[in-house]
Amino acid sequence: MITTNDELRAELDVLRAEAQELAALSTRGGALEGEDATRFDTVADRIDEIKAELAQRDKRQAQLRALADTPGLTERGSDPGVIHRDRSPRDSVRDNALRTIERSEQSGDLPDHAAETAERLTRADSFAARWVAVTGSDSYREAFSKMLRDPSKGHLLWTPQEHQAWRDVAAIASERSLLESGTGSALLPFQLDPTILLTNNGSVNPIRQIARVVQVTSNAWHGVTSAGVSTAWIPEANVVSENSPTLAQPEIPVHKGAAFTAFSIEQFEDSANLLAELGKLLADAKDQLEAIAFITGDGTNKPKGIVTALAAASPSVIVNGTGTEALAAADAYAVQNALPPRFSPNAQWAMALPTINQFAQFETANGSLKFPGMQSNPRTLLGRGVNEFSTMDSAVNATATETNYLAIYGDFKAGFVVADRIGASVELVPHVFSNPSGTAVSPTGERGVFFHWRTGADAVIPNAFRMLNVPTTA
């Protein structure tokens, strides 16, 4: 496959941007050492190769023009003049990434909501733009597909362009430690990365749909929150009072999640759309694990769930039920009334399906439904939307002494953050072995894909919520 001049120039822009970032490291911390120094030398050599190739092509083009200018052979046209480009390599990398996103969306490889997320990342972060540009290239996708079909020998089938694409991806992965060294792992093509694909997914894990979802390129998300700026009316010519807000700087670390799936060798060899199917399987596996962690995760080696965060909040955001060890219709009013007014306009409910059905059955004294909105689709309770969180408490056991957090009400966009680190990766297992019933270890005729990613979550403004507790005493 012949690389066009535009492709060479795009690669040159990516390498120049990377060289600038490496040079910035040396400016801040002295001479480059170790992997950074080795990578800088590799980048510099490749830049020289591309420049030499482009110069050679320009020379050949000049020779062709000279031949074409021979009198009697051609008719000269108008000269548009020299086109000057005054753009930084970062701008070129960003444009290349945006073209990749647009091409992937038009081909159907990237859903609209995922394309919007990728575009927002590309415009906001130079590293994210490079990640999209290199992992989204056709050459890298082909190289990844060949390795997926044959983890042991797939690289022998790579074209020179695919070799270079794999090296480019490995370089940015090494720069931000996106891969574990010496494990043979690889970054997923960004079109298959659940970090992008799941941004707007709400079928199993609705908290992603209603909370604030951010993408990071480091090991944690760092934010700034405030309970708001205090204001006051003042008379004419009086000193303005000090109303500076109290700022908090929440940090949400990203934790490693993993999944393993095995395919028969025949599936690897015969499936025409293996990459697309793999992307769906990995996205579903990620979603299933996170659905529990985002609700009840304890924050130790996993994201902190919203129930865990609100239960530990100080000052307390817990509203105790008004019934006697049972859910009561009045509980909905008590919880809604307790939420601060500034969070009320965008507030939503979250509860498990049995709790939803209990509210739907409450009746007035004359037999009318107390909450008719719970019968509609989408459901509403006291004028606000209702989301089903299947892993929340749903049964109240009056014979035990325990807390029962049955419902959450609040502004999820303002108060709860899900942080995804971009760059999910896979490790390909050439052969899966089994040792059934103590017999000799034997291959199963399958190949495996070990998938891992990093994500975190926490309530950054607990006061944006109120959580209903129906306590019981044995």
Protein backbone atom coordinates (compact mmCIF):
# COMPACT_ATOMS: atom_id res chain seq x y z
CA MET A 1 0.00 0.00 0.00
CA ILE A 2 1.45 3.35 -1.09
CA THR A 3 1.25 6.13 1.47
CA THR A 4 0.03 9.41 0.00
CA ASN A 5 1.69 12.75 0.64
CA ASP A 6 -1.28 13.82 2.77
CA GLU A 7 -0.94 10.71 4.93
CA LEU A 8 2.79 11.31 5.36
CA ARG A 9 2.17 14.94 6.32
CA ALA A 10 -0.54 13.89 8.80
CA GLU A 11 1.87 11.41 10.40
CA LEU A 12 4.54 14.11 10.46
CA ASP A 13 2.17 16.45 12.32
CA VAL A 14 1.42 13.77 14.92
CA LEU A 15 5.13 13.08 15.45
CA ARG A 16 6.00 16.78 15.68
CA ALA A 17 3.30 17.27 18.33
CA GLU A 18 4.68 14.34 20.30
CA ALA A 19 8.24 15.66 19.96
CA GLN A 20 7.09 19.03 21.30
CA GLU A 21 5.54 17.38 24.36
CA LEU A 22 8.69 15.36 25.01
CA ALA A 23 10.80 18.48 24.59
CA ALA A 24 8.57 20.24 27.12
CA LEU A 25 9.32 17.46 29.61
CA SER A 26 13.05 18.06 29.24
CA THR A 27 12.52 21.79 29.73
CA ARG A 28 10.74 21.20 33.03
CA GLY A 29 12.85 18.38 34.43
CA GLY A 30 16.22 18.40 32.73
CA ALA A 31 17.55 15.93 30.18
CA LEU A 32 15.28 13.13 28.99
CA GLU A 33 16.08 9.68 30.32
CA GLY A 34 14.98 6.09 29.85
CA GLU A 35 11.92 5.42 27.71
CA ASP A 36 11.33 9.13 27.07
CA ALA A 37 14.82 9.54 25.60
CA THR A 38 14.47 6.40 23.49
CA ARG A 39 11.09 7.48 22.20
CA PHE A 40 12.38 10.97 21.36
CA ASP A 41 15.18 9.45 19.28
CA THR A 42 12.70 7.18 17.50
CA VAL A 43 10.37 10.08 16.77
CA ALA A 44 13.24 12.24 15.52
CA ASP A 45 14.47 9.47 13.21
CA ARG A 46 11.00 8.93 11.79
CA ILE A 47 10.54 12.67 11.25
CA ASP A 48 13.81 12.72 9.28
CA GLU A 49 12.64 9.72 7.22
CA ILE A 50 9.34 11.36 6.33
CA LYS A 51 10.98 14.68 5.49
CA ALA A 52 13.48 12.89 3.25
CA GLU A 53 10.70 10.96 1.52
CA LEU A 54 8.65 14.11 0.96
CA ALA A 55 11.72 15.93 -0.36
CA GLN A 56 12.41 13.07 -2.78
CA ARG A 57 8.82 13.14 -3.98
CA ASP A 58 8.96 16.91 -4.41
CA LYS A 59 12.13 16.49 -6.48
CA ARG A 60 10.45 13.94 -8.73
CA GLN A 61 7.43 16.20 -9.06
CA ALA A 62 9.68 19.10 -10.05
CA GLN A 63 11.30 16.92 -12.73
CA LEU A 64 7.87 16.00 -14.06
CA ARG A 65 6.88 19.65 -14.14
CA ALA A 66 10.07 20.49 -16.01
CA LEU A 67 9.23 17.90 -18.63
CA ALA A 68 5.68 19.15 -18.81
CA ASP A 69 6.94 22.70 -19.35
CA THR A 70 8.78 21.72 -22.54
CA PRO A 71 7.47 24.03 -25.32
CA GLY A 72 4.86 22.44 -27.50
CA LEU A 73 3.86 19.77 -25.01
CA THR A 74 1.54 21.68 -22.67
CA GLU A 75 -0.51 24.82 -22.46
CA ARG A 76 0.26 26.85 -19.36
CA GLY A 77 -2.62 27.79 -17.10
CA SER A 78 -2.91 30.51 -14.51
CA ASP A 79 -0.64 30.49 -11.46
CA PRO A 80 -2.67 30.65 -8.24
CA GLY A 81 0.42 31.64 -6.30
CA VAL A 82 2.01 30.04 -3.26
CA ILE A 83 -0.35 28.89 -0.52
CA HIS A 84 1.11 29.61 2.89
CA ARG A 85 0.04 27.55 5.89
CA ASP A 86 0.67 29.06 9.28
CA ARG A 87 -0.66 26.32 11.54
CA SER A 88 0.78 24.50 14.52
CA PRO A 89 1.22 20.70 14.48
CA ARG A 90 -1.38 20.47 17.24
CA ASP A 91 -4.01 22.02 14.95
CA SER A 92 -3.18 19.54 12.21
CA VAL A 93 -3.42 16.60 14.63
CA ARG A 94 -6.79 17.84 15.84
CA ASP A 95 -8.07 18.23 12.29
CA ASN A 96 -6.86 14.73 11.44
CA ALA A 97 -8.67 13.35 14.50
CA LEU A 98 -11.88 15.19 13.62
CA ARG A 99 -11.76 13.76 10.09
CA THR A 100 -11.32 10.28 11.59
CA ILE A 101 -14.37 10.81 13.81
CA GLU A 102 -16.46 12.08 10.90
CA ARG A 103 -15.42 9.17 8.68
CA SER A 104 -16.22 6.64 11.43
CA GLU A 105 -19.63 8.19 12.05
CA GLN A 106 -20.54 8.24 8.36
CA SER A 107 -19.51 4.60 7.93
CA GLY A 108 -21.71 3.54 10.85
CA ASP A 109 -18.76 2.43 13.01
CA LEU A 110 -19.46 5.15 15.59
CA PRO A 111 -22.92 6.07 16.99
CA ASP A 112 -23.88 9.74 16.98
CA HIS A 113 -23.58 10.17 20.76
CA ALA A 114 -20.14 8.53 20.74
CA ALA A 115 -18.99 10.80 17.91
CA GLU A 116 -20.08 13.84 19.93
CA THR A 117 -18.08 12.62 22.93
CA ALA A 118 -14.99 11.94 20.82
CA GLU A 119 -15.25 15.34 19.14
CA ARG A 120 -15.57 17.13 22.49
CA LEU A 121 -12.51 15.30 23.80
CA THR A 122 -10.52 16.04 20.66
CA ARG A 123 -11.19 19.77 20.83
CA ALA A 124 -10.44 19.99 24.56
CA ASP A 125 -7.33 17.83 24.97
CA SER A 126 -4.30 17.52 22.68
CA PHE A 127 -3.46 14.03 23.94
CA ALA A 128 -7.02 12.86 23.30
CA ALA A 129 -6.74 14.22 19.75
CA ARG A 130 -3.59 12.17 19.19
CA TRP A 131 -5.26 9.10 20.72
CA VAL A 132 -8.21 9.39 18.33
CA ALA A 133 -5.96 10.05 15.33
CA VAL A 134 -3.68 7.04 15.82
CA THR A 135 -6.08 4.43 17.26
CA GLY A 136 -8.80 5.40 14.79
CA SER A 137 -6.70 5.05 11.65
CA ASP A 138 -7.63 2.40 9.10
CA SER A 139 -4.10 0.99 9.30
CA TYR A 140 -4.28 0.45 13.06
CA ARG A 141 -7.72 -1.10 12.85
CA GLU A 142 -6.46 -3.57 10.22
CA ALA A 143 -3.37 -4.35 12.29
CA PHE A 144 -5.52 -4.91 15.39
CA SER A 145 -7.90 -7.16 13.45
CA LYS A 146 -5.04 -9.33 12.19
CA MET A 147 -3.64 -9.69 15.71
CA LEU A 148 -7.10 -10.54 17.02
CA ARG A 149 -7.49 -13.37 14.50
CA ASP A 150 -4.00 -14.75 15.11
CA PRO A 151 -2.30 -13.38 18.26
CA SER A 152 0.88 -15.38 17.59
CA LYS A 153 1.51 -14.61 13.92
CA GLY A 154 -0.89 -11.85 12.98
CA HIS A 155 1.89 -9.28 12.97
CA LEU A 156 3.62 -11.17 10.17
CA LEU A 157 0.78 -10.14 7.86
CA TRP A 158 1.08 -6.43 8.58
CA THR A 159 1.84 -3.99 5.81
CA PRO A 160 4.51 -1.31 6.46
CA GLN A 161 1.71 1.19 7.14
CA GLU A 162 0.14 -1.16 9.70
CA HIS A 163 3.54 -1.68 11.37
CA GLN A 164 3.93 2.07 11.69
CA ALA A 165 0.37 2.52 12.98
CA TRP A 166 0.98 -0.10 15.69
CA ARG A 167 4.21 1.64 16.73
CA ASP A 168 2.45 5.02 16.87
CA VAL A 169 -0.26 3.64 19.15
CA ALA A 170 2.31 1.89 21.35
CA ALA A 171 4.16 5.20 21.67
CA ILE A 172 1.23 7.22 22.99
CA ALA A 173 0.23 4.32 25.24
CA SER A 174 3.73 4.30 26.73
CA GLU A 175 3.68 8.06 27.16
CA ARG A 176 0.66 7.94 29.51
CA SER A 177 1.20 4.38 30.84
CA LEU A 178 -2.05 3.22 29.24
CA LEU A 179 -0.67 -0.31 28.86
CA GLU A 180 1.09 -2.63 31.26
CA SER A 181 4.64 -3.13 30.00
CA GLY A 182 5.71 -6.56 28.83
CA THR A 183 2.18 -8.00 28.69
CA GLY A 184 1.51 -7.91 24.96
CA SER A 185 -1.55 -5.74 25.49
CA ALA A 186 -2.95 -3.36 22.90
CA LEU A 187 -5.23 -0.34 22.90
CA LEU A 188 -8.64 -0.88 21.37
CA PRO A 189 -9.39 1.12 18.22
CA PHE A 190 -11.25 4.13 19.56
CA GLN A 191 -14.37 3.15 17.58
CA LEU A 192 -14.61 0.04 19.83
CA ASP A 193 -13.64 1.69 23.12
CA PRO A 194 -16.50 1.41 25.66
CA THR A 195 -15.25 4.64 27.23
CA ILE A 196 -16.64 6.37 24.13
CA LEU A 197 -19.46 3.99 23.20
CA LEU A 198 -21.13 3.89 26.65
CA THR A 199 -21.29 7.65 27.24
CA ASN A 200 -25.01 7.81 26.47
CA ASN A 201 -25.98 4.24 27.32
CA GLY A 202 -28.89 4.02 29.71
CA SER A 203 -30.53 0.65 29.12
CA VAL A 204 -28.83 -1.28 31.95
CA ASN A 205 -26.85 1.39 33.73
CA PRO A 206 -29.04 4.53 33.83
CA ILE A 207 -26.71 6.46 36.11
CA ARG A 208 -24.52 7.20 33.09
CA GLN A 209 -27.54 8.75 31.42
CA ILE A 210 -28.44 11.11 34.24
CA ALA A 211 -25.09 11.82 35.97
CA ARG A 212 -22.16 13.88 34.75
CA VAL A 213 -19.77 11.72 32.73
CA VAL A 214 -16.22 13.00 32.11
CA GLN A 215 -13.20 11.53 30.36
CA VAL A 216 -9.66 11.84 31.74
CA THR A 217 -6.18 10.99 30.48
CA SER A 218 -4.58 10.61 33.92
CA ASN A 219 -5.16 8.45 37.00
CA ALA A 220 -7.81 10.72 38.54
CA TRP A 221 -10.36 13.43 37.81
CA HIS A 222 -9.77 16.71 39.62
CA GLY A 223 -12.71 19.07 39.93
CA VAL A 224 -13.77 22.27 41.63
CA THR A 225 -17.14 22.51 43.38
CA SER A 226 -18.92 25.13 45.45
CA ALA A 227 -22.14 25.40 47.40
CA GLY A 228 -22.64 28.73 45.62
CA VAL A 229 -21.68 32.40 45.88
CA SER A 230 -23.36 34.36 48.68
CA THR A 231 -25.00 37.59 47.55
CA ALA A 232 -26.42 40.64 49.35
CA TRP A 233 -28.23 43.93 48.71
CA ILE A 234 -26.22 46.99 49.75
CA PRO A 235 -27.14 50.67 50.12
CA GLU A 236 -25.57 53.31 47.90
CA ALA A 237 -21.88 54.06 48.56
CA ASN A 238 -21.49 51.24 51.07
CA VAL A 239 -18.65 48.74 51.23
CA VAL A 240 -19.39 45.47 49.44
CA SER A 241 -19.32 42.54 51.83
CA GLU A 242 -16.95 39.60 51.35
CA ASN A 243 -18.99 36.93 49.55
CA SER A 244 -16.29 34.62 48.23
CA PRO A 245 -17.54 31.04 47.91
CA THR A 246 -15.98 28.11 49.69
CA LEU A 247 -14.36 26.00 47.00
CA ALA A 248 -13.78 22.27 47.26
CA GLN A 249 -11.44 20.30 45.03
CA PRO A 250 -12.82 16.77 44.79
CA GLU A 251 -10.61 14.05 43.36
CA ILE A 252 -12.01 10.88 41.83
CA PRO A 253 -9.42 8.13 41.26
CA VAL A 254 -10.01 5.70 38.40
CA HIS A 255 -10.03 1.99 39.27
CA LYS A 256 -9.22 -0.98 37.08
CA GLY A 257 -12.06 -3.18 35.87
CA ALA A 258 -11.48 -6.32 33.83
CA ALA A 259 -13.32 -8.97 31.83
CA PHE A 260 -12.28 -12.12 30.01
CA THR A 261 -14.07 -13.73 27.10
CA ALA A 262 -13.15 -16.73 24.98
CA PHE A 263 -14.00 -17.49 21.35
CA SER A 264 -13.54 -20.72 19.47
CA ILE A 265 -10.75 -20.68 16.91
CA GLU A 266 -13.41 -21.22 14.24
CA GLN A 267 -15.17 -18.03 15.32
CA PHE A 268 -11.93 -16.08 15.03
CA GLU A 269 -11.31 -17.51 11.56
CA ASP A 270 -14.84 -17.34 10.14
CA SER A 271 -16.51 -14.28 11.63
CA ALA A 272 -16.72 -11.46 9.10
CA ASN A 273 -17.57 -8.82 11.71
CA LEU A 274 -15.57 -10.05 14.69
CA LEU A 275 -14.43 -6.55 15.64
CA ALA A 276 -17.98 -5.22 15.82
CA GLU A 277 -19.16 -8.20 17.86
CA LEU A 278 -16.18 -7.89 20.19
CA GLY A 279 -16.99 -4.24 20.80
CA LYS A 280 -20.57 -5.10 21.82
CA LEU A 281 -19.46 -7.89 24.15
CA LEU A 282 -16.86 -5.75 25.90
CA ALA A 283 -19.25 -2.82 26.27
CA ASP A 284 -21.88 -5.08 27.82
CA ALA A 285 -19.37 -6.66 30.24
CA LYS A 286 -18.21 -3.22 31.37
CA ASP A 287 -21.76 -1.99 31.81
CA GLN A 288 -22.83 -4.97 33.92
CA LEU A 289 -19.94 -4.56 36.37
CA GLU A 290 -20.36 -0.80 36.68
CA ALA A 291 -24.12 -1.01 37.24
CA ILE A 292 -23.46 -2.37 40.74
CA ALA A 293 -20.38 -0.29 41.58
CA PHE A 294 -21.98 3.05 40.68
CA ILE A 295 -24.77 2.39 43.19
CA THR A 296 -23.23 0.51 46.13
CA GLY A 297 -19.46 0.41 45.44
CA ASP A 298 -17.37 1.12 48.55
CA GLY A 299 -14.63 3.09 46.77
CA THR A 300 -11.91 0.55 47.61
CA ASN A 301 -10.43 -0.77 44.36
CA LYS A 302 -13.72 0.12 42.72
CA PRO A 303 -15.79 3.28 42.09
CA LYS A 304 -17.68 4.75 45.03
CA GLY A 305 -21.41 4.26 44.56
CA ILE A 306 -23.92 7.00 45.11
CA VAL A 307 -25.65 5.18 48.00
CA THR A 308 -22.31 4.69 49.76
CA ALA A 309 -21.31 8.33 49.26
CA LEU A 310 -24.62 9.77 50.45
CA ALA A 311 -24.81 7.48 53.49
CA ALA A 312 -21.44 8.83 54.67
CA ALA A 313 -22.07 12.50 53.79
CA SER A 314 -21.60 15.17 56.43
CA PRO A 315 -23.80 17.05 57.07
CA SER A 316 -26.30 14.25 56.61
CA VAL A 317 -28.54 14.13 53.55
CA ILE A 318 -30.63 11.21 54.90
CA VAL A 319 -34.39 11.66 55.30
CA ASN A 320 -35.99 9.04 57.55
CA GLY A 321 -39.30 7.56 56.50
CA THR A 322 -42.56 8.73 58.05
CA GLY A 323 -44.09 5.24 58.30
CA THR A 324 -43.59 2.51 60.88
CA GLU A 325 -40.80 0.37 59.41
CA ALA A 326 -42.51 0.48 56.01
CA LEU A 327 -42.58 2.71 52.95
CA ALA A 328 -45.28 5.39 53.19
CA ALA A 329 -46.77 7.68 50.57
CA ALA A 330 -45.80 10.68 52.71
CA ASP A 331 -42.13 9.73 52.33
CA ALA A 332 -42.06 11.07 48.78
CA TYR A 333 -43.23 14.51 49.95
CA ALA A 334 -40.77 14.54 52.85
CA VAL A 335 -37.80 13.74 50.62
CA GLN A 336 -38.75 16.25 47.93
CA ASN A 337 -39.37 19.02 50.47
CA ALA A 338 -35.95 18.42 52.05
CA LEU A 339 -33.94 19.11 48.88
CA PRO A 340 -32.43 22.64 48.68
CA PRO A 341 -34.32 24.79 46.12
CA ARG A 342 -31.25 25.42 43.93
CA PHE A 343 -31.12 21.72 43.01
CA SER A 344 -34.86 21.23 42.54
CA PRO A 345 -35.28 22.31 38.86
CA ASN A 346 -33.13 19.43 37.53
CA ALA A 347 -33.89 16.87 40.23
CA GLN A 348 -34.81 13.25 39.45
CA TRP A 349 -35.77 10.16 41.43
CA ALA A 350 -33.89 6.86 41.57
CA MET A 351 -35.21 3.64 43.13
CA ALA A 352 -35.49 -0.10 42.56
CA LEU A 353 -38.44 -1.54 40.64
CA PRO A 354 -40.24 -2.97 43.73
CA THR A 355 -40.17 0.50 45.31
CA ILE A 356 -41.47 2.02 42.08
CA ASN A 357 -44.35 -0.45 42.11
CA GLN A 358 -45.13 0.31 45.75
CA PHE A 359 -45.47 4.02 45.02
CA ALA A 360 -47.59 3.16 41.98
CA GLN A 361 -50.07 1.26 44.20
CA PHE A 362 -50.67 3.97 46.82
CA GLU A 363 -54.28 5.18 46.75
CA THR A 364 -56.25 8.03 48.26
CA ALA A 365 -59.17 7.49 50.65
CA ASN A 366 -61.65 7.36 47.75
CA GLY A 367 -59.62 4.79 45.80
CA SER A 368 -57.85 7.09 43.31
CA LEU A 369 -54.17 6.66 42.55
CA LYS A 370 -52.10 8.93 44.77
CA PHE A 371 -49.24 9.07 42.24
CA PRO A 372 -50.78 8.58 38.76
CA GLY A 373 -47.52 9.60 37.09
CA MET A 374 -46.00 6.30 38.20
CA GLN A 375 -48.30 4.55 35.68
CA SER A 376 -47.04 6.58 32.71
CA ASN A 377 -44.04 6.01 30.46
CA PRO A 378 -41.70 7.64 31.26
CA ARG A 379 -42.64 7.53 34.93
CA THR A 380 -42.91 10.65 37.08
CA LEU A 381 -43.26 11.12 40.83
CA LEU A 382 -44.41 14.52 42.12
CA GLY A 383 -43.61 16.02 38.73
CA ARG A 384 -40.05 14.68 38.46
CA GLY A 385 -38.64 11.81 36.40
CA VAL A 386 -38.10 8.36 37.92
CA ASN A 387 -35.10 6.12 37.11
CA GLU A 388 -34.83 2.43 37.90
CA PHE A 389 -31.71 1.49 39.88
CA SER A 390 -32.05 -2.26 40.23
CA THR A 391 -29.26 -2.65 42.81
CA MET A 392 -30.74 -0.27 45.39
CA ASP A 393 -32.52 -1.60 48.49
CA SER A 394 -36.07 -2.70 47.77
CA ALA A 395 -37.25 -4.95 50.60
CA VAL A 396 -37.77 -3.78 54.19
CA ASN A 397 -37.19 -6.52 56.75
CA ALA A 398 -38.93 -5.49 59.98
CA THR A 399 -37.33 -8.39 61.87
CA ALA A 400 -33.80 -7.02 61.42
CA THR A 401 -32.04 -3.92 62.68
CA GLU A 402 -30.77 -2.20 59.55
CA THR A 403 -30.96 0.78 57.26
CA ASN A 404 -32.96 0.54 54.04
CA TYR A 405 -32.11 3.21 51.48
CA LEU A 406 -35.13 2.99 49.19
CA ALA A 407 -34.99 6.18 47.11
CA ILE A 408 -32.68 9.00 46.05
CA TYR A 409 -33.88 12.41 44.88
CA GLY A 410 -31.60 15.12 43.53
CA ASP A 411 -29.67 16.76 40.71
CA PHE A 412 -27.45 13.97 39.39
CA LYS A 413 -25.75 16.18 36.76
CA ALA A 414 -24.57 18.59 39.43
CA GLY A 415 -23.82 16.16 42.22
CA PHE A 416 -22.51 12.84 40.87
CA VAL A 417 -19.54 12.36 38.54
CA VAL A 418 -18.46 9.29 36.58
CA ALA A 419 -14.83 9.56 35.40
CA ASP A 420 -13.61 7.33 32.56
CA ARG A 421 -9.96 7.11 31.62
CA ILE A 422 -9.71 6.97 27.85
CA GLY A 423 -7.78 4.13 26.30
CA ALA A 424 -9.35 0.77 27.21
CA SER A 425 -6.98 -2.05 26.29
CA VAL A 426 -7.02 -5.77 25.56
CA GLU A 427 -4.54 -8.60 25.86
CA LEU A 428 -4.87 -11.46 23.40
CA VAL A 429 -4.49 -15.02 24.68
CA PRO A 430 -3.45 -17.31 21.78
CA HIS A 431 -4.70 -20.51 23.44
CA VAL A 432 -7.01 -21.18 26.38
CA PHE A 433 -6.12 -24.21 28.51
CA SER A 434 -8.25 -26.26 30.88
CA ASN A 435 -7.58 -28.83 33.58
CA PRO A 436 -10.89 -30.68 34.01
CA SER A 437 -11.22 -33.13 36.89
CA GLY A 438 -7.50 -33.13 37.60
CA THR A 439 -6.54 -34.46 34.17
CA ALA A 440 -3.64 -33.18 32.11
CA VAL A 441 -3.80 -29.53 31.10
CA SER A 442 -5.02 -29.36 27.52
CA PRO A 443 -5.97 -26.61 25.04
CA THR A 444 -9.70 -26.03 24.63
CA GLY A 445 -9.59 -24.90 21.02
CA GLU A 446 -10.36 -21.35 22.07
CA ARG A 447 -8.64 -17.98 22.06
CA GLY A 448 -9.18 -15.42 24.74
CA VAL A 449 -9.49 -11.67 25.04
CA PHE A 450 -8.62 -10.10 28.41
CA PHE A 451 -10.16 -6.63 28.49
CA HIS A 452 -9.39 -3.98 31.09
CA TRP A 453 -10.31 -0.36 31.61
CA ARG A 454 -10.27 2.25 34.38
CA THR A 455 -13.16 4.26 35.75
CA GLY A 456 -14.20 6.00 38.94
CA ALA A 457 -17.24 7.66 40.49
CA ASP A 458 -18.26 9.70 43.53
CA ALA A 459 -20.79 12.23 44.78
CA VAL A 460 -18.99 15.58 44.50
CA ILE A 461 -21.88 17.64 45.93
CA PRO A 462 -23.79 15.42 48.40
CA ASN A 463 -26.07 18.34 49.26
CA ALA A 464 -27.54 18.05 45.75
CA PHE A 465 -29.36 14.90 46.95
CA ARG A 466 -31.66 13.59 49.61
CA MET A 467 -31.84 9.84 50.30
CA LEU A 468 -34.81 8.09 51.88
CA ASN A 469 -34.07 5.66 54.70
CA VAL A 470 -36.71 3.36 56.17
CA PRO A 471 -34.92 2.04 59.29
CA THR A 472 -35.99 -1.12 61.04
CA THR A 473 -35.35 -2.52 64.52
CA ALA A 474 -35.44 -6.19 65.39
